[in-house]
N, C-alpha and C. Protein backbone atom coordinates (compact mmCIF):
# COMPACT_ATOMS: atom_id res chain seq x y z
N MET A 1 122.22 -1.43 74.92
CA MET A 1 123.59 -2.39 74.11
C MET A 1 124.29 -3.04 75.19
N ALA A 2 124.67 -2.39 76.24
CA ALA A 2 125.42 -3.00 77.18
C ALA A 2 125.21 -4.04 78.06
N LYS A 3 123.84 -4.19 78.64
CA LYS A 3 123.42 -5.36 79.33
C LYS A 3 123.73 -6.37 78.12
N ALA A 4 124.01 -6.59 76.80
CA ALA A 4 123.63 -7.99 76.28
C ALA A 4 125.30 -8.49 76.66
N PHE A 5 125.95 -7.34 76.68
CA PHE A 5 127.64 -8.00 77.08
C PHE A 5 127.93 -8.91 78.05
N PHE A 6 127.13 -8.06 79.20
CA PHE A 6 127.39 -8.39 80.38
C PHE A 6 126.44 -9.48 80.95
N ASN A 7 126.93 -10.52 81.52
CA ASN A 7 125.79 -11.47 82.75
C ASN A 7 124.42 -10.09 83.51
N LYS A 8 123.99 -11.21 84.29
CA LYS A 8 123.30 -10.62 85.36
C LYS A 8 124.41 -9.93 86.81
N ALA A 9 125.14 -10.85 86.86
CA ALA A 9 126.77 -10.49 87.80
C ALA A 9 126.95 -9.58 87.45
N GLY A 10 126.85 -9.01 86.01
CA GLY A 10 128.25 -7.39 86.13
C GLY A 10 129.27 -8.30 85.00
N LYS A 11 129.10 -9.40 85.01
CA LYS A 11 130.58 -10.10 84.12
C LYS A 11 130.62 -10.03 83.19
N PRO A 12 131.68 -10.23 82.38
CA PRO A 12 131.76 -10.21 80.97
C PRO A 12 130.55 -11.38 80.08
N LYS A 13 129.99 -10.99 79.82
CA LYS A 13 130.09 -12.97 79.18
C LYS A 13 130.75 -13.21 78.66
N ILE A 14 130.83 -14.46 78.27
CA ILE A 14 131.38 -15.45 77.12
C ILE A 14 131.85 -15.84 76.20
N GLN A 15 131.82 -15.06 74.74
CA GLN A 15 132.07 -14.90 73.46
C GLN A 15 132.82 -15.64 72.60
N ARG A 16 133.78 -17.11 73.53
CA ARG A 16 134.51 -18.02 72.69
C ARG A 16 134.28 -19.07 73.52
N PRO A 17 134.84 -19.44 73.32
CA PRO A 17 135.10 -21.48 74.03
C PRO A 17 136.22 -20.95 74.93
N GLU A 18 138.03 -20.41 74.59
CA GLU A 18 138.94 -18.99 74.82
C GLU A 18 139.36 -18.77 75.79
N GLN A 19 138.02 -17.64 75.75
CA GLN A 19 137.85 -16.15 76.70
C GLN A 19 138.11 -17.08 78.41
N LYS A 20 136.96 -17.93 79.12
CA LYS A 20 137.01 -18.20 80.10
C LYS A 20 139.16 -18.22 80.56
N LEU A 21 139.20 -19.22 79.90
CA LEU A 21 140.45 -19.70 80.03
C LEU A 21 141.65 -18.82 79.72
N GLN A 22 140.93 -18.07 78.92
CA GLN A 22 142.15 -16.55 78.55
C GLN A 22 142.36 -15.84 80.24
N MET A 23 140.87 -15.78 80.68
CA MET A 23 140.90 -15.04 81.48
C MET A 23 141.11 -15.71 83.16
N ALA A 24 141.15 -16.47 83.21
CA ALA A 24 142.13 -17.07 84.05
C ALA A 24 143.34 -16.84 84.43
N CYS A 25 144.50 -17.87 83.30
CA CYS A 25 145.96 -17.26 82.52
C CYS A 25 145.97 -15.93 83.11
N VAL A 26 145.33 -14.81 82.64
CA VAL A 26 146.04 -13.02 83.33
C VAL A 26 145.79 -13.19 84.25
N GLU A 27 144.31 -13.56 84.95
CA GLU A 27 144.47 -13.48 86.28
C GLU A 27 145.00 -13.67 86.87
N TRP A 28 145.74 -15.37 87.37
CA TRP A 28 147.34 -15.82 87.40
C TRP A 28 148.08 -15.05 87.49
N PHE A 29 148.54 -14.79 86.41
CA PHE A 29 149.77 -14.07 85.93
C PHE A 29 150.13 -13.30 87.06
N ASP A 30 148.37 -12.42 86.47
CA ASP A 30 149.12 -10.68 86.85
C ASP A 30 148.94 -10.70 88.93
N TYR A 31 148.53 -11.88 89.66
CA TYR A 31 149.04 -12.23 91.22
C TYR A 31 150.09 -12.88 91.19
N GLN A 32 150.47 -13.96 90.20
CA GLN A 32 151.87 -14.38 90.72
C GLN A 32 153.07 -14.05 90.00
N TYR A 33 152.63 -13.07 88.85
CA TYR A 33 154.07 -11.97 88.26
C TYR A 33 153.38 -10.64 88.38
N SER A 34 152.70 -9.91 89.27
CA SER A 34 152.38 -9.04 89.15
C SER A 34 153.29 -7.67 88.69
N HIS A 35 154.72 -8.52 89.16
CA HIS A 35 156.12 -7.29 88.84
C HIS A 35 155.97 -7.05 87.75
N GLN A 36 155.56 -8.40 86.61
CA GLN A 36 155.72 -8.82 85.34
C GLN A 36 154.57 -8.26 84.11
N GLN A 37 154.01 -7.75 84.86
CA GLN A 37 152.22 -7.29 84.81
C GLN A 37 152.80 -6.88 83.29
N ASN A 38 153.34 -6.25 82.79
CA ASN A 38 153.61 -5.53 81.65
C ASN A 38 154.16 -6.46 80.47
N ARG A 39 154.56 -7.58 80.96
CA ARG A 39 155.23 -8.53 79.84
C ARG A 39 154.27 -9.57 78.87
N LEU A 40 152.72 -9.83 79.96
CA LEU A 40 152.12 -10.34 79.29
C LEU A 40 150.81 -9.46 78.58
N TYR A 41 150.52 -9.35 77.61
CA TYR A 41 148.89 -9.26 76.97
C TYR A 41 148.62 -10.07 76.15
N MET A 42 146.85 -8.94 75.87
CA MET A 42 146.56 -10.06 74.82
C MET A 42 147.13 -9.47 72.90
N ASN A 43 146.45 -9.87 72.67
CA ASN A 43 147.05 -10.10 70.95
C ASN A 43 144.82 -9.85 70.30
N TYR A 44 144.48 -8.85 70.57
CA TYR A 44 142.81 -8.93 70.57
C TYR A 44 143.32 -9.65 68.10
N ASN A 45 142.10 -10.58 68.63
CA ASN A 45 142.34 -10.84 67.24
C ASN A 45 140.51 -11.00 66.42
N ASN A 46 139.97 -11.56 67.23
CA ASN A 46 138.43 -10.88 67.08
C ASN A 46 136.85 -10.76 67.34
N SER A 47 137.08 -9.71 65.47
CA SER A 47 136.33 -8.76 65.49
C SER A 47 134.51 -9.05 65.44
N LYS A 48 133.88 -8.06 66.68
CA LYS A 48 132.68 -9.02 66.94
C LYS A 48 131.49 -8.93 65.54
N ASP A 49 131.71 -8.74 64.52
CA ASP A 49 130.92 -8.25 63.11
C ASP A 49 131.90 -7.65 62.49
N GLU A 50 131.85 -8.31 60.80
CA GLU A 50 132.43 -7.50 59.73
C GLU A 50 133.08 -6.32 59.62
N VAL A 51 132.14 -4.93 59.94
CA VAL A 51 132.80 -4.17 60.13
C VAL A 51 133.17 -2.99 60.93
N ILE A 52 133.72 -3.98 62.02
CA ILE A 52 134.97 -3.86 62.90
C ILE A 52 135.90 -4.40 63.10
N GLY A 53 135.34 -5.30 62.32
CA GLY A 53 136.54 -6.08 61.43
C GLY A 53 137.58 -5.84 60.20
N GLY A 54 137.13 -4.91 59.65
CA GLY A 54 137.27 -4.33 58.98
C GLY A 54 138.49 -3.32 59.00
N ILE A 55 137.93 -2.35 60.16
CA ILE A 55 138.63 -1.49 60.76
C ILE A 55 139.64 -1.82 61.47
N ASN A 56 139.40 -2.83 61.86
CA ASN A 56 140.58 -3.64 62.88
C ASN A 56 141.89 -4.27 61.72
N LYS A 57 140.86 -4.96 60.75
CA LYS A 57 142.31 -4.81 59.92
C LYS A 57 143.26 -4.19 59.07
N ALA A 58 142.36 -2.84 59.14
CA ALA A 58 142.95 -0.93 58.31
C ALA A 58 144.00 -1.02 59.05
N MET A 59 143.80 -1.36 60.35
CA MET A 59 144.61 -1.02 61.81
C MET A 59 145.74 -1.56 62.36
N GLY A 60 145.83 -2.82 61.10
CA GLY A 60 146.87 -4.13 62.07
C GLY A 60 146.65 -4.93 62.05
N LEU A 61 145.02 -5.71 62.24
CA LEU A 61 144.63 -6.89 62.51
C LEU A 61 145.46 -7.59 61.77
N ARG A 62 145.32 -9.05 61.71
CA ARG A 62 146.80 -10.47 61.18
C ARG A 62 145.49 -11.35 61.83
N ARG A 63 145.29 -11.96 60.80
CA ARG A 63 144.92 -13.25 61.18
C ARG A 63 146.46 -14.70 61.93
N GLY A 64 146.14 -15.14 62.96
CA GLY A 64 146.84 -15.92 62.90
C GLY A 64 147.64 -16.27 63.95
N VAL A 65 147.15 -14.42 64.56
CA VAL A 65 148.25 -13.69 66.16
C VAL A 65 147.64 -14.97 67.25
N ALA A 66 148.60 -15.37 67.66
CA ALA A 66 148.59 -15.58 69.11
C ALA A 66 148.07 -15.33 69.89
N ASP A 67 146.81 -15.58 70.84
CA ASP A 67 146.44 -15.05 71.51
C ASP A 67 147.03 -13.76 72.94
N LEU A 68 148.41 -14.92 73.00
CA LEU A 68 149.04 -13.94 74.59
C LEU A 68 150.23 -13.81 74.00
N THR A 69 150.80 -12.69 73.73
CA THR A 69 152.16 -12.78 74.12
C THR A 69 153.05 -12.43 75.17
N TYR A 70 154.17 -13.09 75.65
CA TYR A 70 154.63 -12.54 76.49
C TYR A 70 156.23 -12.40 76.69
N LEU A 71 156.44 -11.23 76.88
CA LEU A 71 158.21 -10.83 76.71
C LEU A 71 159.26 -11.24 77.47
N LEU A 72 160.15 -11.82 76.90
CA LEU A 72 161.53 -12.29 77.62
C LEU A 72 162.27 -10.83 77.58
N PRO A 73 163.33 -11.53 78.51
CA PRO A 73 163.92 -11.07 79.08
C PRO A 73 165.74 -10.38 78.10
N ASN A 74 165.57 -11.74 77.61
CA ASN A 74 166.47 -11.33 76.22
C ASN A 74 166.40 -11.13 75.14
N GLY A 75 165.35 -10.23 75.27
CA GLY A 75 165.08 -9.32 74.48
C GLY A 75 163.33 -9.86 72.78
N LYS A 76 163.30 -11.67 73.36
CA LYS A 76 162.94 -12.58 72.44
C LYS A 76 161.30 -12.78 72.69
N SER A 77 160.36 -12.49 72.54
CA SER A 77 158.97 -13.21 72.64
C SER A 77 158.94 -14.46 72.76
N CYS A 78 157.57 -14.47 73.45
CA CYS A 78 156.90 -16.45 73.30
C CYS A 78 155.67 -16.02 73.26
N PHE A 79 155.26 -16.74 72.09
CA PHE A 79 153.90 -16.37 72.48
C PHE A 79 152.62 -17.67 72.63
N ILE A 80 151.87 -17.49 73.13
CA ILE A 80 150.88 -18.38 73.67
C ILE A 80 149.65 -18.28 72.80
N GLU A 81 149.34 -19.60 72.63
CA GLU A 81 147.39 -19.69 71.44
C GLU A 81 147.50 -20.69 72.45
N LEU A 82 145.91 -20.36 73.21
CA LEU A 82 144.72 -20.86 73.57
C LEU A 82 143.93 -22.16 73.14
N LYS A 83 143.88 -23.25 73.39
CA LYS A 83 142.80 -23.58 72.85
C LYS A 83 142.25 -24.86 74.42
N LYS A 84 141.02 -24.33 73.97
CA LYS A 84 139.62 -25.79 74.74
C LYS A 84 140.03 -26.43 74.05
N GLY A 85 140.18 -27.83 74.62
CA GLY A 85 140.00 -29.64 74.32
C GLY A 85 140.91 -30.15 73.90
N ALA A 86 140.26 -31.00 72.34
CA ALA A 86 141.20 -30.75 71.46
C ALA A 86 140.98 -29.67 69.84
N GLY A 87 141.10 -28.54 70.07
CA GLY A 87 140.65 -27.48 69.40
C GLY A 87 142.22 -27.50 68.46
N SER A 88 142.67 -27.14 67.29
CA SER A 88 143.02 -27.56 66.39
C SER A 88 143.63 -25.32 66.24
N GLN A 89 144.50 -26.01 65.59
CA GLN A 89 145.10 -24.87 65.05
C GLN A 89 144.95 -24.28 64.26
N SER A 90 144.25 -23.40 63.03
CA SER A 90 144.38 -22.78 61.73
C SER A 90 145.38 -23.41 61.58
N ASP A 91 145.01 -22.95 60.14
CA ASP A 91 146.30 -22.39 58.72
C ASP A 91 146.77 -21.56 58.82
N TYR A 92 146.46 -20.55 59.76
CA TYR A 92 146.52 -19.73 59.36
C TYR A 92 147.81 -19.20 61.10
N GLN A 93 147.41 -19.70 62.16
CA GLN A 93 148.23 -19.43 63.87
C GLN A 93 149.12 -20.71 63.26
N LYS A 94 149.67 -21.93 62.55
CA LYS A 94 150.39 -22.14 61.99
C LYS A 94 151.21 -21.85 61.20
N ALA A 95 150.68 -21.12 59.82
CA ALA A 95 152.08 -20.08 59.51
C ALA A 95 152.43 -18.86 59.90
N PHE A 96 151.30 -18.75 60.99
CA PHE A 96 152.59 -17.64 62.65
C PHE A 96 153.26 -17.78 63.00
N GLU A 97 153.07 -19.30 64.24
CA GLU A 97 153.74 -20.61 64.70
C GLU A 97 154.80 -20.13 64.18
N LEU A 98 155.27 -20.82 62.97
CA LEU A 98 156.71 -21.04 61.79
C LEU A 98 157.36 -19.50 61.84
N MET A 99 156.32 -18.76 61.67
CA MET A 99 157.17 -17.17 61.25
C MET A 99 157.60 -17.06 63.02
N VAL A 100 157.64 -16.70 63.28
CA VAL A 100 157.71 -15.98 64.84
C VAL A 100 158.97 -17.63 65.30
N THR A 101 158.79 -18.29 65.01
CA THR A 101 159.36 -20.00 65.75
C THR A 101 161.33 -19.36 64.85
N GLU A 102 160.75 -19.51 63.38
CA GLU A 102 161.44 -19.08 62.48
C GLU A 102 162.90 -17.89 62.78
N LEU A 103 162.08 -17.13 63.79
CA LEU A 103 163.05 -15.81 63.91
C LEU A 103 163.54 -15.27 65.61
N GLY A 104 163.35 -16.33 66.27
CA GLY A 104 163.68 -17.05 67.20
C GLY A 104 163.38 -17.06 68.36
N ASN A 105 162.11 -17.18 68.37
CA ASN A 105 160.85 -16.81 69.66
C ASN A 105 160.74 -17.85 69.53
N ASP A 106 159.46 -18.35 71.05
CA ASP A 106 158.89 -19.44 70.88
C ASP A 106 157.48 -19.06 70.88
N TYR A 107 157.16 -20.53 70.91
CA TYR A 107 155.91 -20.19 71.03
C TYR A 107 154.92 -21.77 71.07
N HIS A 108 153.65 -21.82 71.96
CA HIS A 108 153.08 -22.35 72.33
C HIS A 108 151.47 -22.56 72.80
N ILE A 109 151.04 -23.83 73.00
CA ILE A 109 150.10 -24.03 72.89
C ILE A 109 149.55 -24.44 74.72
N ALA A 110 148.33 -24.20 74.99
CA ALA A 110 148.05 -24.43 76.57
C ALA A 110 146.49 -24.21 76.41
N ARG A 111 146.10 -25.50 76.82
CA ARG A 111 145.12 -26.17 76.80
C ARG A 111 143.96 -26.55 78.15
N ASP A 112 145.14 -25.75 78.96
CA ASP A 112 143.83 -25.43 80.34
C ASP A 112 145.09 -24.71 81.10
N ILE A 113 144.94 -24.30 82.11
CA ILE A 113 146.18 -23.17 82.88
C ILE A 113 146.85 -23.91 83.52
N TYR A 114 146.60 -25.09 83.73
CA TYR A 114 148.16 -25.70 84.14
C TYR A 114 149.12 -25.67 83.41
N GLU A 115 148.45 -26.17 81.90
CA GLU A 115 149.95 -26.05 80.90
C GLU A 115 150.24 -24.36 81.14
N PHE A 116 149.70 -23.51 80.95
CA PHE A 116 149.92 -21.81 80.99
C PHE A 116 151.24 -22.25 82.37
N MET A 117 149.90 -22.51 83.05
CA MET A 117 151.26 -21.42 83.96
C MET A 117 152.11 -22.26 84.08
N GLY A 118 152.75 -23.42 83.90
CA GLY A 118 153.92 -23.74 83.14
C GLY A 118 154.62 -23.89 82.37
N ILE A 119 154.65 -23.02 81.44
CA ILE A 119 154.61 -22.11 79.99
C ILE A 119 155.49 -20.70 80.98
N ILE A 120 155.07 -20.06 81.81
CA ILE A 120 155.41 -19.20 81.66
C ILE A 120 156.62 -19.12 83.49
N ASN A 121 155.92 -20.29 84.15
CA ASN A 121 157.07 -21.53 85.31
C ASN A 121 158.81 -21.00 84.72
N SER A 122 158.69 -21.79 83.73
CA SER A 122 159.57 -22.41 83.19
C SER A 122 160.71 -21.34 82.29
N TYR A 123 160.04 -19.63 82.90
CA TYR A 123 160.84 -18.65 82.07
C TYR A 123 161.09 -18.31 83.20
N GLN A 124 161.29 -18.12 84.32
CA GLN A 124 161.61 -17.85 85.82
C GLN A 124 163.15 -18.28 86.46
């Protein structure tokens, strides 16, 4: 079973288009801002099946939550949704964006690592 999750090189298989982008963004952040490493974290939004999804939902999983959260020094948060290519936000993601921005937090969409870098660097 573990072999299905890993490719021949022993690296995790990419399960959705944004995964590779997210891994690259987190790797860059961890290198560039290692002293802030715990201020950027992923929000687990994608369960592997309905059973795990039901368990995760009971534990607090919410539809539409951004892929990454970056904790800002002013007590606010920056939420970053990663989209590849022309991918668009779901209605749940749009509702989440509206909610967090109305609460005074920032929300961004990054379509590549350079957009992600620009977002993070703008807070330094």
